[in-house]
Every structure is written in structure tokens, then in C-alpha cells.
Amino acid sequence: MAVSKFHNYIISEDIVKALNGLEYDIPTEVQARVIPAALKKNNLIVKARTGSGKTAAYVIPICEFIEWLENKPQALILTPTRELAVQVKEDFTNIGRFKRIKAAAIYGGHQFSMEKAELKQKTHVVVGTPGRVMDHIRKGTLPLNKINCFVIDEADRMLDMGFIEQVKEIMKELPLERMTMLFSATMSDEVKSLSENYMSDPINIDVSENGIVTADINHALYITDEEDKFNLLTDVMIIENPDSCIIFCSTKDQVDMVSERLNKLGYPCNKMHGGMEQDDRLSAIKRFKRGEYRYLIATDVAARGIDIENISLVINYDIPLDEENYVHRTGRTGRAGRKGKAISFVVPTQTRYLHDIEDLIGFKIQEKTKPSQEEVANLKPSFEKKLNTAPKIKKMKSDQLNKDIMRLRFNGGKKKKLRATNFVGVISNLDGMKAEDIGIITIQDTLTYIEILNGKGPLVLEAMKNTMICGKQLKVTKAVDKI
């Protein structure tokens, strides 16, 4: 039977406080079933679809297990994509905020030297893609001897992307005494084999429900010729008039074309594909999450592992050639019990792909008649009114949690032989300060960044201008940019 509130679990006040700040109230089904089992350090195989809340299901118990004083990584999370690695790292940072849990994300396209330097510092959790994790293991820059929690997130996607052999190689390098959790939307024979060969007495948890797609999504399609797609797209956007919409294309060139044409029409949109710089991709996601623009045009890099609230519409501008990608794309909407809509454009020569999709999801997708020009004209004023209204920037759940945090920068680090305990000792002895008011500490060679919690940043900033650490007077400023 599901526990009604997070505070009913045997987790520390620091975790409960962070969950309250994030407005996590009632656990989802996967959280209600996974968290109690994980808190008992059971090995778990969890079948759960995207949007079920599975990330928090493993982040919460792992944060509970972390020993702050241990400098080496205690948990390793494998994710199939860079975007998911960054998102999971943020989840660890937010949920572990008051335990001062330090998480690092490592992935291809990111500077290896920066990751190496970060892993030399106190790091409790490492989240990464298999290839980059393997690189660090081979070069001896990721210590594994203290890893006691290991998670394979989206194991089916690992298989699709050809990562399974790397995952197996990584598992062979890990300590035998560890807890392992495997999460997958589907359970292929290869995923089952992975669990059977590398996990001891796992508990199986299935919260995938009966259908492969959620009942909260309304599915529809239009049959159209390739040259008519863009006009159909603009008509459908007027008819549907969504607040937030992802438009999926099969290639980055198609994404560039659709994005450019929509921008010329004045539509608030951005794009995301594998040919873009990583920082640009992450920025596109962040701004879309905040509602700075209404439409995101993307390839399948946006189909998995991106948790964005309240996407009301997904449009498959190009129907996916792999039927499972249909499930992942449309899973961006209808999340966490909300209603959503998925519309696909199907060229007559691609009907066999449509049939493969329908065979997989177990029902026929409703074909719709193209909108009439009269219908489009009648609804256009309402669409243009929304188009010309300044976007309402959404507050992220983490904003409330982080609003009372100030990040300070000290001009001294490892080269001055400074350690986290030196800073904690001095700052916690300031008038009005406690150790629990100090957040994550990041010590670099010549700089140290410290998060001050509970609105006490200005107090510490002022006091530390005249307070020495280890006999050294360090220059202290408010940090502007994240490292």
C-alpha cells in the first residue's frame, strides 16, 4: 500500500526539507514502490515508463545513504544521453541540498580536463554517459572503490544506442558489495540478461500499467504529402493553439528548416539537435522549460530523459521510423496525470511505419481531416492574440528551494592548502550561523565556491571580509556565474 506523504518514509529531515521546498508532496506510484525497497538496500529491476517520476525514486534513497565526510564517489548513475545526465545531476543537487551533496555530470562533448579536475574534489555522486564514464575509469580519474550504489537509467535506451557492452564493462569494474537499480520502460531479453548476470537476487517492480502509452494522451494523425507538411503545421498550430509544444523532425536539417521558417513567421520558437553545441542544447531546454518560447523543434535527442511540465501538444512533423521512438516522443506530454495530445503527419509512402507503431501501442490512431481554411481563419485571431502576448515565465520547482541561497567566491583553494572543513569551522562559528546553513563547497586550485543557505548569504559575505581562514585573509565576493 502506498505511503501518502514523503515524510512518512524513514528519511532525514534534510531530505524532507528539500522535498518540501521542491513541492514534492504525494509520491507517484513508482516512488511509493521503489523508495521503501531501496531504503532497505535491495537490488531492484524497475519497469516504468517515462514521466512516472522514476528519477526521484532512486535519487531520494541514494541521497539518504550518502556519507558527507567521504570524499570519493559513493554512487554512480549511468544515463544514455547528455541531457539526462545533466538533469539527474540537478535532481541530486536539489534533493541533496541540505545534506550538501556534491554531484558531477560527465559526458561526451564536455571538456575532459574540467571533469577530471571536478572529480579530484569531494564528489558524492557521479552521473554520466557510458562512454565518458569508461574513459574516466581507464584513465584512473574516476575512483570506484567507494561506490555502493549503482543505477542504470533507461536500460532499453542504452540497448538502442549500442551502449550495453560498455555498461557490462563498467559493471565488472565496480565493487561487488553494492546496491544496483535498473530502470527500463521495456524489458527486452538483453536487458533481462543484463540483470540476471550482474545483479544478485533483485526485486522486480512493474509500474508500467497495461498499455505501452499512457491513457492521458489523445492520439491523432493527418495523411499529407511532404511538400504540404509545413502549411499543415501552421494550420494545426492555429487550430490547437498550444501553450507549450514540441515538434519532432527526423533530421537536424529538417529541424533547421522548420525552425527558420517558423521564426520568419514570428513564432516564439527554438531548436535542439545533435549538431548543436552542448551548451546551446542545454540552454534551449532550460529556456523552453521556463516558457520563454512556446515551440521547441527537435530531433529525437529531445525524446528521452527531458522532464518538462505541462507540454500540451507533441507534433510528429516526421513520423518516427522506429516505432518505440513514437512512444518516447509522445511521452513528453500527458505526464504526471495531466492530459496531452499527440499529432502525427504521415506521408502515404510511410504507412508501413504507422502500422508498426499501431501494432506496438495496441490501437489504431484516429485519422483526422485537414483543417478547412474557414476553420483556420475563424481561430486565427485567438492564436495571434496568444502569439502577441508576452510569455509568462514559469517558476521552476527548484526556484523556491534555491531562492534563499547565495553562492560566495573566495580567492583561495587547494594551492593554499584549504579544505572544506576549514571553511565550515570558521563560517559556522560566525554570529547567527550554524553548520546546516552551509551548502555545497567546491574547492578548486585557486578558488573556493560555497553556498550559504537560509538567506544568510549577506551576513556571511560581510563578516568574511574581516575574518581569516587558517591565518589567511581571503577576498570574498558574491559568485555570479556557475562553474
Protein backbone atom coordinates (compact mmCIF):
# COMPACT_ATOMS: atom_id res chain seq x y z
CA MET A 1 0.00 0.00 0.00
CA ALA A 2 1.40 3.40 -1.00
CA VAL A 3 2.57 5.83 1.68
CA SER A 4 0.65 9.09 1.38
CA LYS A 5 3.50 11.54 2.09
CA PHE A 6 7.26 11.61 1.68
CA HIS A 7 7.81 12.41 5.35
CA ASN A 8 6.33 9.01 6.25
CA TYR A 9 9.47 7.36 4.85
CA ILE A 10 12.48 6.82 7.08
CA ILE A 11 14.49 9.66 5.57
CA SER A 12 16.36 12.50 7.24
CA GLU A 13 14.98 15.95 7.94
CA ASP A 14 17.45 17.43 5.45
CA ILE A 15 15.90 15.39 2.62
CA VAL A 16 12.32 16.10 3.74
CA LYS A 17 13.10 19.82 3.90
CA ALA A 18 14.42 19.77 0.32
CA LEU A 19 11.39 17.79 -0.93
CA ASN A 20 9.07 20.32 0.72
CA GLY A 21 10.97 23.15 -0.97
CA LEU A 22 10.59 21.35 -4.32
CA GLU A 23 6.85 20.92 -3.61
CA TYR A 24 7.12 17.14 -3.71
CA ASP A 25 4.11 16.10 -1.70
CA ILE A 26 2.48 12.81 -2.64
CA PRO A 27 4.75 10.11 -4.12
CA THR A 28 3.95 8.76 -7.58
CA GLU A 29 3.32 5.02 -7.85
CA VAL A 30 6.90 4.22 -8.86
CA GLN A 31 8.23 6.33 -5.97
CA ALA A 32 5.86 4.69 -3.48
CA ARG A 33 7.03 1.22 -4.52
CA VAL A 34 10.73 1.85 -5.13
CA ILE A 35 11.73 4.11 -2.22
CA PRO A 36 10.87 1.70 0.66
CA ALA A 37 12.59 -1.21 -1.13
CA ALA A 38 15.64 0.90 -1.98
CA LEU A 39 15.93 2.19 1.59
CA LYS A 40 16.40 -1.46 2.59
CA LYS A 41 19.29 -1.63 0.07
CA ASN A 42 17.61 -4.23 -2.15
CA ASN A 43 18.74 -4.71 -5.74
CA LEU A 44 15.85 -3.57 -7.95
CA ILE A 45 14.67 -4.07 -11.53
CA VAL A 46 12.03 -1.45 -12.25
CA LYS A 47 9.81 -1.34 -15.31
CA ALA A 48 8.37 2.16 -15.53
CA ARG A 49 7.51 4.41 -18.41
CA THR A 50 8.91 7.88 -18.94
CA GLY A 51 7.17 10.61 -16.94
CA SER A 52 6.46 8.31 -13.99
CA GLY A 53 8.76 10.11 -11.54
CA LYS A 54 11.38 7.35 -11.54
CA THR A 55 14.39 9.67 -11.17
CA ALA A 56 13.32 10.87 -7.73
CA ALA A 57 12.54 7.24 -6.84
CA TYR A 58 16.26 6.44 -6.82
CA VAL A 59 17.68 9.90 -6.03
CA ILE A 60 15.88 10.12 -2.66
CA PRO A 61 17.21 6.84 -1.16
CA ILE A 62 20.71 7.42 -2.56
CA CYS A 63 20.80 10.91 -1.01
CA GLU A 64 19.79 9.29 2.27
CA PHE A 65 22.73 6.84 2.09
CA ILE A 66 25.43 9.40 1.21
CA GLU A 67 28.09 10.00 3.86
CA TRP A 68 29.14 13.64 3.54
CA LEU A 69 32.62 13.17 5.00
CA GLU A 70 33.60 10.63 2.33
CA ASN A 71 35.42 12.45 -0.48
CA LYS A 72 35.24 9.71 -3.13
CA PRO A 73 32.08 8.96 -5.17
CA GLN A 74 29.61 6.69 -3.41
CA ALA A 75 27.02 6.43 -6.20
CA LEU A 76 27.34 6.05 -9.98
CA ILE A 77 24.38 6.66 -12.30
CA LEU A 78 24.54 5.72 -15.99
CA THR A 79 22.27 7.59 -18.40
CA PRO A 80 22.01 7.19 -22.20
CA THR A 81 22.10 10.91 -23.04
CA ARG A 82 23.96 14.04 -22.02
CA GLU A 83 20.75 15.95 -21.33
CA LEU A 84 19.50 13.28 -18.94
CA ALA A 85 22.90 13.22 -17.16
CA VAL A 86 22.69 16.97 -16.53
CA GLN A 87 19.07 16.72 -15.39
CA VAL A 88 19.78 13.86 -12.96
CA LYS A 89 22.77 15.76 -11.55
CA GLU A 90 20.44 18.74 -10.88
CA ASP A 91 17.97 16.42 -9.14
CA PHE A 92 20.72 15.15 -6.84
CA THR A 93 21.85 18.71 -6.12
CA ASN A 94 18.31 19.86 -5.31
CA ILE A 95 17.18 16.85 -3.25
CA GLY A 96 20.57 16.64 -1.51
CA ARG A 97 20.76 20.41 -1.00
CA PHE A 98 20.68 20.44 2.80
CA LYS A 99 22.95 17.40 3.10
CA ARG A 100 25.47 19.34 0.96
CA ILE A 101 25.62 16.51 -1.56
CA LYS A 102 28.00 17.25 -4.42
CA ALA A 103 27.10 15.64 -7.77
CA ALA A 104 29.09 15.74 -11.01
CA ALA A 105 27.86 15.12 -14.57
CA ILE A 106 30.34 13.63 -17.06
CA TYR A 107 29.56 13.13 -20.74
CA GLY A 108 30.96 13.37 -24.27
CA GLY A 109 31.19 16.87 -25.70
CA HIS A 110 32.17 18.21 -22.27
CA GLN A 111 35.81 19.15 -21.56
CA PHE A 112 37.54 16.08 -20.11
CA SER A 113 40.07 18.20 -18.20
CA MET A 114 37.27 20.08 -16.43
CA GLU A 115 35.63 16.81 -15.43
CA LYS A 116 38.97 15.43 -14.23
CA ALA A 117 39.50 18.50 -12.04
CA GLU A 118 35.97 18.23 -10.63
CA LEU A 119 36.38 14.53 -9.82
CA LYS A 120 39.56 15.34 -7.87
CA GLN A 121 37.40 17.34 -5.46
CA LYS A 122 34.92 15.93 -2.96
CA THR A 123 32.25 14.30 -5.15
CA HIS A 124 29.49 12.16 -3.66
CA VAL A 125 27.59 11.20 -6.84
CA VAL A 126 28.71 10.82 -10.46
CA VAL A 127 26.14 10.83 -13.27
CA GLY A 128 27.40 10.07 -16.75
CA THR A 129 27.04 8.51 -20.17
CA PRO A 130 28.69 5.07 -20.55
CA GLY A 131 31.42 6.10 -22.99
CA ARG A 132 32.65 9.01 -20.90
CA VAL A 133 32.41 7.03 -17.65
CA MET A 134 34.54 4.30 -19.25
CA ASP A 135 37.09 6.91 -20.39
CA HIS A 136 37.50 8.14 -16.81
CA ILE A 137 37.77 4.60 -15.45
CA ARG A 138 40.51 3.70 -17.97
CA LYS A 139 42.45 6.88 -17.21
CA GLY A 140 42.12 6.39 -13.45
CA THR A 141 40.29 9.68 -12.92
CA LEU A 142 37.08 8.13 -11.53
CA PRO A 143 37.74 6.18 -8.31
CA LEU A 144 35.29 3.29 -7.90
CA ASN A 145 36.35 1.66 -4.62
CA LYS A 146 33.75 3.55 -2.54
CA ILE A 147 30.80 3.07 -4.94
CA ASN A 148 27.99 1.35 -3.04
CA CYS A 149 25.01 2.45 -5.18
CA PHE A 150 24.81 1.89 -8.94
CA VAL A 151 21.91 2.86 -11.20
CA ILE A 152 21.30 2.05 -14.87
CA ASP A 153 18.68 4.55 -16.01
CA GLU A 154 16.74 3.87 -19.23
CA ALA A 155 18.41 0.50 -19.85
CA ASP A 156 16.32 -0.06 -23.00
CA ARG A 157 17.66 3.18 -24.47
CA MET A 158 21.21 2.03 -23.63
CA LEU A 159 20.50 -1.04 -25.74
CA ASP A 160 19.05 1.02 -28.61
CA MET A 161 22.13 3.25 -28.66
CA GLY A 162 24.59 0.35 -28.55
CA PHE A 163 25.86 1.06 -25.03
CA ILE A 164 25.10 -2.30 -23.42
CA GLU A 165 28.64 -3.69 -23.85
CA GLN A 166 30.08 -0.59 -22.20
CA VAL A 167 27.55 -0.92 -19.37
CA LYS A 168 28.67 -4.53 -18.81
CA GLU A 169 32.32 -3.44 -18.84
CA ILE A 170 31.63 -0.77 -16.22
CA MET A 171 29.72 -3.23 -14.00
CA LYS A 172 32.71 -5.58 -14.00
CA GLU A 173 34.88 -2.75 -12.60
CA LEU A 174 32.55 -1.89 -9.70
CA PRO A 175 32.84 -3.26 -6.15
CA LEU A 176 30.85 -6.48 -5.68
CA GLU A 177 29.30 -5.16 -2.46
CA ARG A 178 26.90 -2.61 -3.85
CA MET A 179 23.21 -1.95 -4.41
CA THR A 180 22.18 -1.98 -8.08
CA MET A 181 18.97 -0.49 -9.53
CA LEU A 182 17.99 -0.93 -13.18
CA PHE A 183 15.19 1.18 -14.70
CA SER A 184 13.69 0.50 -18.12
CA ALA A 185 10.48 1.33 -19.97
CA THR A 186 10.58 -2.06 -21.70
CA MET A 187 12.22 -5.36 -20.76
CA SER A 188 13.90 -6.96 -23.75
CA ASP A 189 15.71 -10.29 -23.48
CA GLU A 190 19.05 -8.45 -23.47
CA VAL A 191 18.01 -6.16 -20.63
CA LYS A 192 16.78 -9.21 -18.68
CA SER A 193 20.08 -10.97 -19.37
CA LEU A 194 21.96 -7.94 -18.03
CA SER A 195 20.04 -8.12 -14.77
CA GLU A 196 20.38 -11.91 -14.45
CA ASN A 197 24.15 -11.91 -14.99
CA TYR A 198 25.12 -8.85 -13.00
CA MET A 199 22.54 -8.48 -10.20
CA SER A 200 22.08 -10.66 -7.14
CA ASP A 201 18.52 -11.56 -6.03
CA PRO A 202 16.85 -8.46 -7.47
CA ILE A 203 13.28 -7.48 -6.63
CA ASN A 204 11.12 -6.87 -9.73
CA ILE A 205 8.83 -3.84 -9.63
CA ASP A 206 6.47 -3.27 -12.57
CA VAL A 207 4.58 0.02 -12.68
CA SER A 208 4.28 0.16 -16.46
CA GLU A 209 0.48 -0.37 -16.39
CA ASN A 210 -1.21 -2.39 -19.11
CA GLY A 211 -0.67 -0.22 -22.16
CA ILE A 212 2.67 0.91 -23.50
CA VAL A 213 1.40 4.50 -23.77
CA THR A 214 -0.47 6.44 -21.11
CA ALA A 215 -4.23 6.80 -21.38
CA ASP A 216 -3.82 10.54 -20.72
CA ILE A 217 -2.69 11.21 -24.32
CA ASN A 218 -5.11 11.72 -27.22
CA HIS A 219 -3.50 10.41 -30.45
CA ALA A 220 -4.38 11.62 -33.95
CA LEU A 221 -2.82 11.78 -37.43
CA TYR A 222 -3.07 13.60 -40.74
CA ILE A 223 -2.21 12.00 -44.10
CA THR A 224 -0.27 14.60 -46.11
CA ASP A 225 2.27 15.00 -48.89
CA GLU A 226 5.81 16.08 -47.97
CA GLU A 227 5.50 19.44 -49.76
CA ASP A 228 2.28 20.27 -47.87
CA LYS A 229 3.65 19.50 -44.39
CA PHE A 230 4.71 23.00 -43.41
CA ASN A 231 1.40 24.61 -44.36
CA LEU A 232 -0.40 21.84 -42.49
CA LEU A 233 1.85 22.51 -39.49
CA THR A 234 0.93 26.20 -39.34
CA ASP A 235 -2.77 25.36 -39.72
CA VAL A 236 -2.64 22.75 -36.97
CA MET A 237 -0.79 25.16 -34.67
CA ILE A 238 -3.58 27.71 -35.15
CA ILE A 239 -6.30 25.10 -34.54
CA GLU A 240 -4.64 23.60 -31.46
CA ASN A 241 -3.15 26.87 -30.15
CA PRO A 242 -1.00 25.10 -27.52
CA ASP A 243 0.72 26.81 -24.62
CA SER A 244 3.72 24.53 -24.98
CA CYS A 245 4.55 22.22 -27.90
CA ILE A 246 7.42 20.04 -29.15
CA ILE A 247 7.67 19.48 -32.92
CA PHE A 248 9.75 16.39 -33.76
CA CYS A 249 11.67 16.05 -37.02
CA SER A 250 13.79 13.12 -38.21
CA THR A 251 16.91 15.07 -39.18
CA LYS A 252 18.79 18.13 -37.95
CA ASP A 253 18.44 19.71 -41.43
CA GLN A 254 14.67 19.37 -41.16
CA VAL A 255 14.78 20.90 -37.65
CA ASP A 256 16.81 23.85 -39.01
CA MET A 257 14.37 24.35 -41.89
CA VAL A 258 11.19 24.23 -39.78
CA SER A 259 12.72 26.44 -37.09
CA GLU A 260 13.91 29.03 -39.63
CA ARG A 261 10.51 29.21 -41.35
CA LEU A 262 8.59 29.48 -38.07
CA ASN A 263 10.96 32.21 -36.85
CA LYS A 264 10.31 34.17 -40.04
CA LEU A 265 6.58 33.99 -39.26
CA GLY A 266 7.30 35.45 -35.83
CA TYR A 267 6.56 32.30 -33.85
CA PRO A 268 8.33 32.11 -30.46
CA CYS A 269 10.42 29.00 -31.05
CA ASN A 270 13.83 27.46 -30.56
CA LYS A 271 15.51 24.30 -31.80
CA MET A 272 17.53 21.39 -30.48
CA HIS A 273 19.52 18.71 -32.28
CA GLY A 274 22.77 16.76 -32.04
CA GLY A 275 24.64 19.11 -34.37
CA MET A 276 24.41 21.98 -31.86
CA GLU A 277 26.97 22.81 -29.19
CA GLN A 278 26.14 21.15 -25.87
CA ASP A 279 25.74 24.50 -24.05
CA ASP A 280 23.27 25.65 -26.73
CA ARG A 281 21.25 22.43 -26.34
CA LEU A 282 21.10 22.79 -22.56
CA SER A 283 20.16 26.47 -22.90
CA ALA A 284 17.37 25.59 -25.35
CA ILE A 285 15.88 23.09 -22.88
CA LYS A 286 16.16 25.48 -19.93
CA ARG A 287 14.51 28.37 -21.75
CA PHE A 288 11.74 26.10 -23.09
CA LYS A 289 11.10 24.78 -19.57
CA ARG A 290 10.75 28.35 -18.33
CA GLY A 291 8.27 29.19 -21.08
CA GLU A 292 10.41 31.82 -22.81
CA TYR A 293 9.13 30.41 -26.10
CA ARG A 294 6.17 28.21 -26.91
CA TYR A 295 7.58 25.82 -29.51
CA LEU A 296 10.65 23.57 -29.48
CA ILE A 297 11.62 21.96 -32.79
CA ALA A 298 13.82 18.95 -32.14
CA THR A 299 15.22 15.62 -33.27
CA ASP A 300 14.96 12.54 -31.08
CA VAL A 301 17.60 13.95 -28.71
CA ALA A 302 14.59 15.55 -27.00
CA ALA A 303 12.53 12.34 -26.99
CA ARG A 304 14.02 10.83 -23.84
CA GLY A 305 15.02 11.96 -20.38
CA ILE A 306 13.79 15.55 -20.57
CA ASP A 307 11.27 16.35 -17.88
CA ILE A 308 9.28 19.43 -18.86
CA GLU A 309 5.98 20.17 -17.16
CA ASN A 310 2.75 20.97 -18.97
CA ILE A 311 3.63 20.18 -22.59
CA SER A 312 0.12 20.05 -24.01
CA LEU A 313 0.96 19.01 -27.57
CA VAL A 314 3.55 16.89 -29.40
CA ILE A 315 3.63 17.05 -33.20
CA ASN A 316 5.49 14.42 -35.21
CA TYR A 317 6.34 16.55 -38.25
CA ASP A 318 8.16 13.45 -39.47
CA ILE A 319 6.75 10.13 -38.32
CA PRO A 320 9.45 8.15 -36.46
CA LEU A 321 10.82 5.18 -38.42
CA ASP A 322 11.41 3.27 -35.18
CA GLU A 323 8.05 2.56 -33.53
CA GLU A 324 9.50 2.75 -29.99
CA ASN A 325 10.57 6.34 -30.66
CA TYR A 326 6.88 7.16 -31.13
CA VAL A 327 6.26 6.10 -27.54
CA HIS A 328 9.20 8.15 -26.26
CA ARG A 329 8.32 11.25 -28.29
CA THR A 330 4.66 11.26 -27.34
CA GLY A 331 5.66 10.55 -23.73
CA ARG A 332 6.80 14.19 -23.47
CA THR A 333 3.12 15.09 -22.99
CA GLY A 334 0.45 13.60 -20.73
CA ARG A 335 2.93 13.39 -17.84
CA ALA A 336 2.21 13.06 -14.13
CA GLY A 337 -1.52 12.55 -14.67
CA ARG A 338 -2.05 15.56 -16.95
CA LYS A 339 -3.85 15.36 -20.30
CA GLY A 340 -1.92 15.72 -23.55
CA LYS A 341 -2.27 15.39 -27.30
CA ALA A 342 -0.02 13.80 -29.94
CA ILE A 343 -0.49 14.57 -33.65
CA SER A 344 1.49 12.88 -36.43
CA PHE A 345 1.94 13.84 -40.08
CA VAL A 346 2.10 10.71 -42.25
CA VAL A 347 3.21 10.69 -45.89
CA PRO A 348 1.36 7.95 -47.88
CA THR A 349 4.64 6.09 -48.60
CA GLN A 350 5.26 5.80 -44.83
CA THR A 351 2.08 3.96 -43.83
CA ARG A 352 4.05 0.78 -43.01
CA TYR A 353 5.81 2.69 -40.23
CA LEU A 354 2.41 3.82 -38.98
CA HIS A 355 1.23 0.19 -38.87
CA ASP A 356 4.34 -0.80 -36.88
CA ILE A 357 3.53 1.96 -34.38
CA GLU A 358 -0.11 0.88 -34.10
CA ASP A 359 0.95 -2.75 -33.58
CA LEU A 360 3.24 -1.65 -30.75
CA ILE A 361 0.80 0.63 -28.93
CA GLY A 362 -2.13 -1.75 -29.45
CA PHE A 363 -4.68 0.57 -31.07
CA LYS A 364 -5.42 2.40 -34.32
CA ILE A 365 -4.57 6.10 -34.34
CA GLN A 366 -7.50 8.27 -35.39
CA GLU A 367 -7.10 9.91 -38.82
CA LYS A 368 -8.34 13.49 -38.97
CA THR A 369 -9.49 15.63 -41.89
CA LYS A 370 -7.20 18.54 -42.63
CA PRO A 371 -8.46 21.84 -41.16
CA SER A 372 -10.56 23.89 -43.58
CA GLN A 373 -9.43 27.41 -44.45
CA GLU A 374 -12.65 28.74 -42.89
CA GLU A 375 -11.85 26.95 -39.61
CA VAL A 376 -8.29 28.28 -39.63
CA ALA A 377 -9.47 31.85 -40.40
CA ASN A 378 -12.02 31.75 -37.55
CA LEU A 379 -9.44 30.62 -34.99
CA LYS A 380 -6.52 32.75 -36.21
CA PRO A 381 -7.39 35.87 -34.15
CA SER A 382 -7.30 33.84 -30.93
CA PHE A 383 -3.98 32.28 -31.98
CA GLU A 384 -2.43 35.65 -32.86
CA LYS A 385 -3.61 37.16 -29.58
CA LYS A 386 -1.72 34.44 -27.67
CA LEU A 387 1.24 34.79 -30.05
CA ASN A 388 1.48 38.53 -29.33
CA THR A 389 1.10 38.16 -25.57
CA ALA A 390 4.36 38.28 -23.64
CA PRO A 391 5.18 34.81 -22.33
CA LYS A 392 4.56 34.16 -18.67
CA ILE A 393 7.88 32.87 -17.36
CA LYS A 394 7.32 29.73 -15.33
CA LYS A 395 8.84 29.27 -11.94
CA MET A 396 10.77 26.05 -11.65
CA LYS A 397 10.26 23.88 -8.58
CA SER A 398 13.91 24.43 -7.70
CA ASP A 399 13.47 28.24 -7.71
CA GLN A 400 11.64 28.16 -4.39
CA LEU A 401 14.27 25.85 -2.93
CA ASN A 402 17.17 27.98 -4.17
CA LYS A 403 15.79 31.47 -3.54
CA ASP A 404 17.45 31.77 -0.13
CA ILE A 405 20.85 30.57 -1.37
CA MET A 406 23.80 32.85 -2.07
CA ARG A 407 26.94 31.48 -3.68
CA LEU A 408 30.18 33.05 -2.42
CA ARG A 409 33.57 33.01 -4.10
CA PHE A 410 36.79 33.03 -2.08
CA ASN A 411 40.16 33.68 -3.77
CA GLY A 412 41.92 30.72 -2.19
CA GLY A 413 41.79 26.98 -2.71
CA LYS A 414 43.90 23.85 -2.80
CA LYS A 415 47.16 25.70 -3.51
CA LYS A 416 46.74 27.49 -0.18
CA LYS A 417 46.10 24.08 1.41
CA LEU A 418 42.49 24.97 2.25
CA ARG A 419 39.90 22.26 2.86
CA ALA A 420 36.12 22.21 3.21
CA THR A 421 36.37 21.61 6.96
CA ASN A 422 38.43 24.83 7.35
CA PHE A 423 35.61 26.87 5.82
CA VAL A 424 32.84 25.04 7.71
CA GLY A 425 34.62 25.56 11.03
CA VAL A 426 35.07 29.31 10.56
CA ILE A 427 31.72 30.11 8.93
CA SER A 428 29.63 28.04 11.37
CA ASN A 429 31.20 30.00 14.26
CA LEU A 430 30.03 33.36 12.93
CA ASP A 431 27.23 35.02 14.91
CA GLY A 432 23.84 33.75 13.70
CA MET A 433 25.31 30.86 11.71
CA LYS A 434 25.05 27.08 12.07
CA ALA A 435 26.75 24.28 10.15
CA GLU A 436 23.42 23.47 8.45
CA ASP A 437 23.39 26.97 6.91
CA ILE A 438 26.35 25.95 4.75
CA GLY A 439 25.62 24.21 1.45
CA ILE A 440 27.81 22.67 -1.24
CA ILE A 441 31.50 23.59 -1.08
CA THR A 442 33.60 23.37 -4.25
CA ILE A 443 37.35 23.83 -3.81
CA GLN A 444 39.45 24.46 -6.92
CA ASP A 445 43.19 25.15 -7.14
CA THR A 446 42.91 28.91 -6.57
CA LEU A 447 39.21 29.48 -5.83
CA THR A 448 36.55 28.14 -3.47
CA TYR A 449 32.80 28.38 -4.03
CA ILE A 450 30.46 28.00 -1.05
CA GLU A 451 26.66 28.03 -0.99
CA ILE A 452 25.18 29.82 2.03
CA LEU A 453 21.62 28.69 2.74
CA ASN A 454 18.56 30.05 4.54
CA GLY A 455 19.00 33.66 3.43
CA LYS A 456 22.22 34.13 5.43
CA GLY A 457 24.47 34.88 2.45
CA PRO A 458 24.69 38.66 3.01
CA LEU A 459 25.60 38.09 6.68
CA VAL A 460 28.48 35.74 5.77
CA LEU A 461 29.65 37.93 2.87
CA GLU A 462 30.03 40.91 5.18
CA ALA A 463 31.55 39.00 8.10
CA MET A 464 34.14 37.14 5.98
CA LYS A 465 35.61 40.40 4.68
CA ASN A 466 37.26 40.71 8.10
CA THR A 467 37.59 37.05 9.11
CA MET A 468 40.62 34.89 8.39
CA ILE A 469 40.66 31.22 7.40
CA CYS A 470 43.74 29.25 8.50
CA GLY A 471 45.51 32.54 9.18
CA LYS A 472 44.78 33.83 5.67
CA GLN A 473 42.56 36.77 4.78
CA LEU A 474 40.76 35.77 1.58
CA LYS A 475 38.98 38.11 -0.78
CA VAL A 476 35.28 37.14 -0.85
CA THR A 477 32.64 38.17 -3.40
CA LYS A 478 29.20 37.04 -4.45
CA ALA A 479 29.64 34.49 -7.26
CA VAL A 480 27.85 35.47 -10.43
CA ASP A 481 28.41 32.57 -12.81
CA LYS A 482 28.08 28.85 -12.15
CA ILE A 483 31.28 26.88 -12.56
